[in-house]
């Protein structure tokens, strides 16, 4: 593989500037989840220019196949996401978003451009490897139910079925040129909790005549924390947070109801279901004990993301061979969520992080912020490494 490694590094260097231009176009023309019509058309046109035919899936998604020698021997899938976020960009750059209120603030422009760059390399080398590479460009990673779930329902993991799937995500905590891996559980499931606490409103000066939903909601937020502190195993990462409390009263008015919105996250599917039942039971019981009642709706979000240990260790070893051990780090558990998790529940998966930080140039903002950007030197790393990991896995 040493010869292939050198060829990929040379091609990555050759195609790096073109990948930067792809990324800048995508960044300047962001589209929201499940509305990526122009983005998908642009990606399809780019693939066709490389001699790769793509077909539509899940509305605005695309899937394509690069066939090497003996293409049915083994298939590896590579994934990117297409959608942007409803954020107004604050960066003053030549490639600033032209779509008001929409921005690639999570790096999906990087993921898409990187997969296009890797595809270009792999297409050029298709006569030098056995097996096939499936390219997955999915819509709607940022919006429930997640484009990955729709792609799976429409058969993206079939005909041919991949032996594994690999994805990458920008990581602004890590300098450009470095990547990070973690085997096993890595990212959390993410469920949304909506509770309406109902009582009887009235004048705040006459509490005895009311059933105060503000007091009930206050007790409920505190009481629900015992689900994490006393009912969850310390061995299973679990988070329960409420980010929105709406009580439309006044200094002297107790409202009839209070709305709570929060998130529950964990890394164990059995505990996840059990915790939902405990949250519901505690909320209903507490409100009833205080003279009121509540309506509770728990919306299932993405499952937890598990990186297949064997595949991840092989991918990490490939990264060390490609970048050097000093540029490959081990990641901590991450309580954020990603719909790549759907793939990881179906086939062996590896989801790794691409460093994009450059403190000297002030490129330090986190994702989902209006000032997020990347050191574009990371693109040469991303396209070459993804191509090399894929070929190493085909050769396994």
Protein backbone atom coordinates (compact mmCIF):
# COMPACT_ATOMS: atom_id res chain seq x y z
CA UNK A 1 0.00 0.00 0.00
CA UNK A 2 3.02 2.30 0.21
CA UNK A 3 2.81 3.04 -3.50
CA UNK A 4 -0.92 3.76 -3.29
CA UNK A 5 -0.33 5.99 -0.25
CA UNK A 6 2.13 8.12 -2.20
CA UNK A 7 -0.19 8.33 -5.20
CA UNK A 8 -3.08 9.44 -2.99
CA UNK A 9 -0.94 12.05 -1.26
CA UNK A 10 0.15 13.41 -4.64
CA UNK A 11 -3.42 13.49 -5.96
CA UNK A 12 -4.68 15.10 -2.74
CA UNK A 13 -2.12 17.85 -3.18
CA UNK A 14 -3.06 18.25 -6.84
CA UNK A 15 -6.82 18.43 -6.14
CA UNK A 16 -6.64 20.45 -2.92
CA UNK A 17 -7.18 23.83 -4.59
CA UNK A 18 -10.12 22.49 -6.59
CA UNK A 19 -11.63 21.11 -3.40
CA UNK A 20 -11.27 24.55 -1.78
CA UNK A 21 -13.24 26.05 -4.66
CA UNK A 22 -15.93 23.38 -4.28
CA UNK A 23 -16.18 24.13 -0.59
CA UNK A 24 -16.37 27.89 -1.14
CA UNK A 25 -19.18 27.51 -3.67
CA UNK A 26 -21.12 25.28 -1.30
CA UNK A 27 -20.47 27.66 1.59
CA UNK A 28 -21.74 30.63 -0.40
CA UNK A 29 -24.92 28.83 -1.44
CA UNK A 30 -26.22 27.02 1.67
CA UNK A 31 -29.63 25.37 1.83
CA UNK A 32 -31.65 24.20 4.81
CA UNK A 33 -32.40 20.58 5.67
CA UNK A 34 -34.41 18.71 3.03
CA UNK A 35 -34.29 21.79 0.77
CA UNK A 36 -30.85 21.07 -0.74
CA UNK A 37 -32.05 21.02 -4.35
CA UNK A 38 -29.34 23.27 -5.81
CA UNK A 39 -26.68 21.68 -3.63
CA UNK A 40 -27.60 18.19 -4.85
CA UNK A 41 -27.60 19.38 -8.47
CA UNK A 42 -24.15 20.93 -7.99
CA UNK A 43 -22.78 17.74 -6.42
CA UNK A 44 -24.27 15.58 -9.16
CA UNK A 45 -22.73 17.79 -11.85
CA UNK A 46 -19.33 17.59 -10.15
CA UNK A 47 -19.52 13.80 -9.93
CA UNK A 48 -20.48 13.54 -13.58
CA UNK A 49 -17.47 15.67 -14.51
CA UNK A 50 -15.34 12.97 -12.85
CA UNK A 51 -17.14 10.25 -14.81
CA UNK A 52 -19.25 9.11 -11.85
CA UNK A 53 -23.00 8.67 -12.25
CA UNK A 54 -25.21 9.53 -9.27
CA UNK A 55 -28.87 8.81 -8.61
CA UNK A 56 -31.26 10.69 -6.36
CA UNK A 57 -32.48 9.26 -3.08
CA UNK A 58 -34.57 10.56 -0.17
CA UNK A 59 -35.59 13.65 -2.11
CA UNK A 60 -32.41 15.71 -2.15
CA UNK A 61 -29.90 12.97 -1.40
CA UNK A 62 -27.55 11.26 -3.84
CA UNK A 63 -25.82 7.91 -4.03
CA UNK A 64 -23.10 6.87 -6.48
CA UNK A 65 -20.74 3.94 -6.99
CA UNK A 66 -17.07 3.83 -7.98
CA UNK A 67 -16.24 0.36 -9.23
CA UNK A 68 -12.71 -0.96 -9.14
CA UNK A 69 -11.50 -4.29 -10.43
CA UNK A 70 -13.71 -7.19 -9.34
CA UNK A 71 -16.31 -4.68 -8.07
CA UNK A 72 -18.50 -7.24 -6.30
CA UNK A 73 -15.69 -8.41 -4.03
CA UNK A 74 -16.35 -5.84 -1.28
CA UNK A 75 -18.03 -2.45 -0.90
CA UNK A 76 -17.16 0.38 1.50
CA UNK A 77 -19.45 3.40 1.89
CA UNK A 78 -18.30 6.99 2.44
CA UNK A 79 -20.81 9.55 3.71
CA UNK A 80 -21.25 13.32 3.63
CA UNK A 81 -24.17 15.58 4.58
CA UNK A 82 -25.52 18.44 2.47
CA UNK A 83 -27.62 20.74 4.67
CA UNK A 84 -26.92 24.06 6.38
CA UNK A 85 -28.34 25.83 9.44
CA UNK A 86 -30.75 28.76 9.96
CA UNK A 87 -27.96 31.11 11.10
CA UNK A 88 -26.97 34.50 9.68
CA UNK A 89 -23.26 34.44 8.85
CA UNK A 90 -21.07 37.11 10.48
CA UNK A 91 -17.84 36.27 8.65
CA UNK A 92 -16.63 38.83 6.12
CA UNK A 93 -15.09 36.52 3.54
CA UNK A 94 -15.35 36.30 -0.24
CA UNK A 95 -17.36 33.09 0.08
CA UNK A 96 -19.80 34.46 2.67
CA UNK A 97 -23.31 33.01 2.47
CA UNK A 98 -25.44 34.61 -0.22
CA UNK A 99 -28.64 33.16 1.26
CA UNK A 100 -29.79 35.46 4.04
CA UNK A 101 -30.32 33.67 7.33
CA UNK A 102 -28.78 30.39 6.14
CA UNK A 103 -25.19 29.34 6.80
CA UNK A 104 -22.93 26.31 6.64
CA UNK A 105 -22.14 26.71 10.33
CA UNK A 106 -21.56 23.01 10.99
CA UNK A 107 -19.08 22.24 8.25
CA UNK A 108 -21.31 20.22 5.95
CA UNK A 109 -19.84 22.20 3.05
CA UNK A 110 -16.48 20.77 4.12
CA UNK A 111 -17.86 17.24 4.36
CA UNK A 112 -19.45 17.42 0.91
CA UNK A 113 -16.46 19.02 -0.79
CA UNK A 114 -14.18 16.49 0.91
CA UNK A 115 -16.19 13.52 -0.32
CA UNK A 116 -16.17 14.99 -3.82
CA UNK A 117 -12.39 15.39 -3.61
CA UNK A 118 -11.96 11.84 -2.31
CA UNK A 119 -14.26 10.56 -5.05
CA UNK A 120 -12.12 12.27 -7.67
CA UNK A 121 -9.02 10.54 -6.31
CA UNK A 122 -10.69 7.14 -6.07
CA UNK A 123 -12.16 7.41 -9.56
CA UNK A 124 -8.69 8.09 -10.94
CA UNK A 125 -7.28 5.07 -9.08
CA UNK A 126 -10.19 2.70 -9.81
CA UNK A 127 -8.03 0.39 -11.93
CA UNK A 128 -5.63 -0.09 -9.01
CA UNK A 129 -7.99 -1.51 -6.37
CA UNK A 130 -10.51 -4.31 -6.04
CA UNK A 131 -14.05 -3.71 -4.84
CA UNK A 132 -16.38 -0.74 -4.91
CA UNK A 133 -16.77 2.57 -3.11
CA UNK A 134 -20.33 3.76 -2.43
CA UNK A 135 -20.65 7.53 -2.14
CA UNK A 136 -23.49 8.70 0.11
CA UNK A 137 -24.53 12.36 0.04
CA UNK A 138 -27.44 12.63 2.44
CA UNK A 139 -29.87 15.47 3.14
CA UNK A 140 -31.15 16.77 6.45
CA UNK A 141 -28.61 15.78 9.09
CA UNK A 142 -29.65 18.77 11.20
CA UNK A 143 -33.39 18.10 11.24
CA UNK A 144 -35.51 15.29 12.62
CA UNK A 145 -36.01 12.54 11.53
CA UNK A 146 -32.56 12.83 9.98
CA UNK A 147 -31.70 12.24 6.35
CA UNK A 148 -29.70 9.14 7.24
CA UNK A 149 -32.85 7.36 8.43
CA UNK A 150 -34.59 8.19 5.14
CA UNK A 151 -31.62 7.05 3.05
CA UNK A 152 -31.58 3.74 4.94
CA UNK A 153 -35.32 3.25 4.41
CA UNK A 154 -34.84 3.79 0.68
CA UNK A 155 -32.07 1.19 0.50
CA UNK A 156 -28.78 3.07 0.62
CA UNK A 157 -27.24 0.15 2.55
CA UNK A 158 -28.31 -2.35 -0.08
CA UNK A 159 -27.41 -3.24 -3.70
CA UNK A 160 -24.56 -3.44 -2.95
CA UNK A 161 -24.51 -3.74 0.82
CA UNK A 162 -21.39 -2.09 2.25
CA UNK A 163 -19.17 -4.02 4.62
CA UNK A 164 -18.70 -0.77 6.53
CA UNK A 165 -19.37 2.95 6.37
CA UNK A 166 -16.98 5.81 7.10
CA UNK A 167 -17.79 9.45 7.83
CA UNK A 168 -15.90 12.47 9.06
CA UNK A 169 -16.88 15.72 10.79
CA UNK A 170 -15.11 19.02 11.26
CA UNK A 171 -13.67 19.55 14.74
CA UNK A 172 -12.71 23.15 15.55
CA UNK A 173 -11.04 22.09 18.83
CA UNK A 174 -8.33 20.29 16.86
CA UNK A 175 -5.72 22.03 14.67
CA UNK A 176 -5.88 21.56 10.91
CA UNK A 177 -3.71 18.67 9.82
CA UNK A 178 -4.77 16.48 12.73
CA UNK A 179 -7.60 13.96 13.06
CA UNK A 180 -9.21 12.16 15.98
CA UNK A 181 -10.72 8.70 16.53
CA UNK A 182 -12.63 6.87 19.24
CA UNK A 183 -13.68 3.22 19.14
CA UNK A 184 -16.93 2.04 20.72
CA UNK A 185 -19.58 4.42 22.02
CA UNK A 186 -18.80 7.94 20.90
CA UNK A 187 -21.86 10.23 20.55
CA UNK A 188 -25.15 10.31 22.41
CA UNK A 189 -28.73 9.67 21.41
CA UNK A 190 -30.82 12.85 21.46
CA UNK A 191 -34.49 12.98 22.40
CA UNK A 192 -36.69 16.05 22.80
CA UNK A 193 -38.93 16.46 25.84
CA UNK A 194 -42.02 18.69 25.82
CA UNK A 195 -43.98 19.05 29.07
CA UNK A 196 -47.02 21.25 29.70
CA UNK A 197 -47.63 21.63 33.43
CA UNK A 198 -51.27 22.55 34.07
CA UNK A 199 -52.78 24.14 37.17
CA UNK A 200 -55.18 26.94 37.92
CA UNK A 201 -54.08 30.53 37.47
CA UNK A 202 -55.15 33.65 39.29
CA UNK A 203 -53.93 36.58 41.34
CA UNK A 204 -50.48 36.08 42.80
CA UNK A 205 -51.60 37.67 46.06
CA UNK A 206 -54.09 34.86 46.63
CA UNK A 207 -52.05 31.66 46.21
CA UNK A 208 -54.54 29.63 48.24
CA UNK A 209 -57.09 30.07 45.46
CA UNK A 210 -54.73 28.83 42.75
CA UNK A 211 -52.90 25.67 41.74
CA UNK A 212 -49.55 27.17 40.86
CA UNK A 213 -48.01 25.56 37.72
CA UNK A 214 -44.87 27.68 38.10
CA UNK A 215 -44.13 26.09 41.45
CA UNK A 216 -44.94 22.65 40.06
CA UNK A 217 -42.65 23.21 37.07
CA UNK A 218 -39.86 24.40 39.37
CA UNK A 219 -40.10 21.28 41.52
CA UNK A 220 -40.32 19.13 38.40
CA UNK A 221 -37.12 20.44 36.82
CA UNK A 222 -35.22 19.72 40.03
CA UNK A 223 -36.89 16.38 40.71
CA UNK A 224 -36.22 15.04 37.22
CA UNK A 225 -32.49 15.35 37.81
CA UNK A 226 -32.70 12.28 40.05
CA UNK A 227 -33.30 10.29 36.86
CA UNK A 228 -29.66 11.02 36.07
CA UNK A 229 -28.14 11.14 39.55
CA UNK A 230 -29.95 8.19 41.16
CA UNK A 231 -31.53 6.01 38.46
CA UNK A 232 -28.89 6.01 35.71
CA UNK A 233 -25.86 3.77 36.03
CA UNK A 234 -22.67 5.85 36.54
CA UNK A 235 -21.19 3.69 33.79
CA UNK A 236 -23.66 5.02 31.19
CA UNK A 237 -23.25 8.67 30.14
CA UNK A 238 -26.60 10.41 30.63
CA UNK A 239 -27.71 14.05 30.35
CA UNK A 240 -31.11 15.62 31.06
CA UNK A 241 -31.32 19.38 30.46
CA UNK A 242 -34.14 21.87 30.11
CA UNK A 243 -33.40 24.87 27.94
CA UNK A 244 -36.80 26.51 27.70
CA UNK A 245 -39.33 27.45 30.39
CA UNK A 246 -42.37 29.46 29.33
CA UNK A 247 -44.77 30.82 31.96
CA UNK A 248 -46.92 33.58 30.53
CA UNK A 249 -47.84 35.20 33.81
CA UNK A 250 -46.69 38.46 35.37
CA UNK A 251 -45.34 39.74 38.68
CA UNK A 252 -48.84 39.50 40.09
CA UNK A 253 -50.38 36.87 37.80
CA UNK A 254 -50.06 33.10 38.16
CA UNK A 255 -50.68 31.49 34.74
CA UNK A 256 -52.79 28.42 34.06
CA UNK A 257 -49.90 26.46 32.58
CA UNK A 258 -46.13 26.36 32.13
CA UNK A 259 -44.33 24.81 29.15
CA UNK A 260 -40.97 23.09 29.52
CA UNK A 261 -38.70 21.95 26.70
CA UNK A 262 -35.57 19.88 27.17
CA UNK A 263 -33.31 17.15 25.89
CA UNK A 264 -32.45 13.67 27.13
CA UNK A 265 -29.21 12.08 25.93
CA UNK A 266 -27.51 8.80 26.66
CA UNK A 267 -25.43 6.01 25.12
CA UNK A 268 -27.49 2.92 25.89
CA UNK A 269 -30.64 2.11 23.93
CA UNK A 270 -32.25 -0.07 26.64
CA UNK A 271 -31.67 2.56 29.32
CA UNK A 272 -32.93 5.22 26.93
CA UNK A 273 -36.36 3.55 26.72
CA UNK A 274 -36.47 2.88 30.46
CA UNK A 275 -35.55 6.48 31.24
CA UNK A 276 -38.39 7.78 29.08
CA UNK A 277 -40.85 5.78 31.18
CA UNK A 278 -39.33 7.03 34.43
CA UNK A 279 -39.41 10.66 33.25
CA UNK A 280 -43.06 10.32 32.29
CA UNK A 281 -44.06 8.57 35.53
CA UNK A 282 -42.23 11.05 37.77
CA UNK A 283 -43.64 14.10 35.94
CA UNK A 284 -47.22 12.86 36.06
CA UNK A 285 -46.97 11.78 39.70
CA UNK A 286 -45.37 14.97 40.95
CA UNK A 287 -47.86 17.24 39.21
CA UNK A 288 -50.79 15.18 40.50
CA UNK A 289 -49.41 15.26 44.05
CA UNK A 290 -49.39 19.07 43.89
CA UNK A 291 -52.96 19.30 42.65
CA UNK A 292 -52.32 19.70 38.96
CA UNK A 293 -51.47 17.51 36.00
CA UNK A 294 -49.23 17.53 32.96
CA UNK A 295 -49.08 16.55 29.33
CA UNK A 296 -45.73 15.06 28.32
CA UNK A 297 -44.42 14.31 24.84
CA UNK A 298 -41.02 12.66 24.35
CA UNK A 299 -39.91 12.65 20.74
CA UNK A 300 -37.38 9.99 19.78
CA UNK A 301 -34.39 11.55 18.07
CA UNK A 302 -31.18 10.03 16.74
CA UNK A 303 -29.80 6.86 18.37
CA UNK A 304 -26.38 6.82 19.98
CA UNK A 305 -23.39 6.54 17.69
CA UNK A 306 -21.12 3.54 18.12
CA UNK A 307 -17.88 3.18 16.24
CA UNK A 308 -17.12 -0.42 15.35
CA UNK A 309 -13.93 -1.21 17.31
CA UNK A 310 -12.22 -3.26 14.59
CA UNK A 311 -13.05 -0.88 11.74
CA UNK A 312 -12.10 2.15 13.83
CA UNK A 313 -8.78 0.70 14.87
CA UNK A 314 -7.96 -0.09 11.24
CA UNK A 315 -8.98 3.41 10.17
CA UNK A 316 -6.88 4.91 12.94
CA UNK A 317 -3.88 2.83 11.85
CA UNK A 318 -4.41 4.03 8.27
CA UNK A 319 -4.46 7.62 9.52
CA UNK A 320 -1.19 7.07 11.35
CA UNK A 321 0.36 5.67 8.18
CA UNK A 322 -0.98 8.57 6.12
CA UNK A 323 -0.44 11.52 8.47
CA UNK A 324 2.06 10.32 11.07
CA UNK A 325 1.31 9.29 14.67
CA UNK A 326 1.79 12.85 15.92
CA UNK A 327 -1.23 13.98 13.91
CA UNK A 328 -3.68 11.33 15.14
CA UNK A 329 -5.34 11.78 18.54
CA UNK A 330 -7.78 9.83 20.71
CA UNK A 331 -11.15 11.47 21.31
CA UNK A 332 -13.23 11.73 24.47
CA UNK A 333 -16.92 10.82 24.66
CA UNK A 334 -19.10 13.48 23.05
CA UNK A 335 -22.66 14.13 24.24
CA UNK A 336 -23.62 15.83 21.00
CA UNK A 337 -25.71 13.86 18.52
CA UNK A 338 -25.33 12.96 14.85
CA UNK A 339 -27.65 11.10 12.51
CA UNK A 340 -24.66 9.11 11.22
CA UNK A 341 -25.64 7.06 14.27
CA UNK A 342 -28.42 5.46 12.22
CA UNK A 343 -25.81 3.92 9.92
CA UNK A 344 -23.76 2.78 12.91
CA UNK A 345 -26.74 0.82 14.19
CA UNK A 346 -26.97 -1.08 10.87
CA UNK A 347 -23.42 -1.76 9.67
CA UNK A 348 -19.87 -1.48 11.06
CA UNK A 349 -19.12 2.26 11.14
CA UNK A 350 -16.30 4.68 11.79
CA UNK A 351 -17.01 8.36 12.41
CA UNK A 352 -13.86 10.40 12.95
CA UNK A 353 -13.00 14.06 13.45
CA UNK A 354 -11.15 16.39 11.10
CA UNK A 355 -9.16 19.18 12.71
CA UNK A 356 -9.97 22.63 11.26
CA UNK A 357 -8.56 25.07 13.86
CA UNK A 358 -5.89 27.71 13.22
CA UNK A 359 -5.33 29.96 16.23
CA UNK A 360 -2.74 32.10 14.47
CA UNK A 361 -5.37 33.13 11.92
CA UNK A 362 -8.14 33.46 14.48
CA UNK A 363 -10.06 30.44 13.17
CA UNK A 364 -11.31 29.19 16.53
CA UNK A 365 -15.12 29.54 16.56
CA UNK A 366 -17.23 26.53 17.39
CA UNK A 367 -19.84 24.95 15.14
CA UNK A 368 -23.38 26.36 15.12
CA UNK A 369 -22.05 29.89 15.57
CA UNK A 370 -22.23 32.78 13.03
CA UNK A 371 -18.42 33.08 12.97
CA UNK A 372 -17.58 29.43 12.33
CA UNK A 373 -15.00 28.88 9.59
CA UNK A 374 -12.15 26.49 8.87
CA UNK A 375 -8.50 26.50 7.94
CA UNK A 376 -8.90 25.27 4.37
CA UNK A 377 -5.56 23.48 4.59
CA UNK A 378 -7.63 20.79 6.29
CA UNK A 379 -9.22 19.93 2.94
CA UNK A 380 -6.04 18.41 1.54
CA UNK A 381 -5.86 16.26 4.65
CA UNK A 382 -9.51 15.26 4.43
CA UNK A 383 -9.69 14.18 0.79
CA UNK A 384 -6.49 12.16 0.89
CA UNK A 385 -7.14 10.50 4.21
CA UNK A 386 -10.70 9.49 3.36
CA UNK A 387 -9.56 7.96 0.07
CA UNK A 388 -6.68 6.11 1.75
CA UNK A 389 -8.83 4.77 4.61
CA UNK A 390 -11.37 3.50 2.09
CA UNK A 391 -8.75 1.66 0.03
CA UNK A 392 -7.10 0.21 3.12
CA UNK A 393 -10.48 -1.14 4.18
CA UNK A 394 -11.18 -2.63 0.75
CA UNK A 395 -7.82 -4.39 0.93
CA UNK A 396 -8.55 -5.76 4.42
